[in-house]
Amino acid sequence: QEATERQRAVAESENEFLREFEALLRGGLDVDVRPSDEWRKANGSRATVEHALLSLGTDTRGRARCAWTVAERDTAFLVAEMRCVARPLPAELGELSARSFIVQHDGDATLVHCPSEDLADLCVAGFNLL
């Protein structure tokens, strides 16, 4: 019974966190994204870093998914199959790694730079709970 109550408390805590995470991303979060070379070719982009609005989208089954809208194109890129959200190694990006995360998706990977380390932590935890 104690284990069941603990599981219920954990589930309730996760649900509350997800509600807050979804509320934050409903308005969008200004970030910079470093899409893969394949994405840049497919979308006709020469920029290695694109300013974007990070948000939540919905896939065809109604599940929440990571999405971003690249400002100049005004088109959203929705992650259909998100396998992993992780942090880059500090050796790879130095201080920038603290406020960055990687979304592995659809056979591709995108590096996202947040305005702060706290927001990056929040996004990693939130996207991994979705």
Foldseek 3Di string as FASTA:
>chain_A
DVVVVVVVVVVVVLVVLLVVLQVVQVVWAWWKKQWDPVVCVVVVHPDRIFTWTWHWDADPVRDTFIWIAGPVVRDIDTFPAWDAKAFDDCVVPPPQSLQKIWTDGPNTIMIIGHPDSVVSVSVRSNNVSD
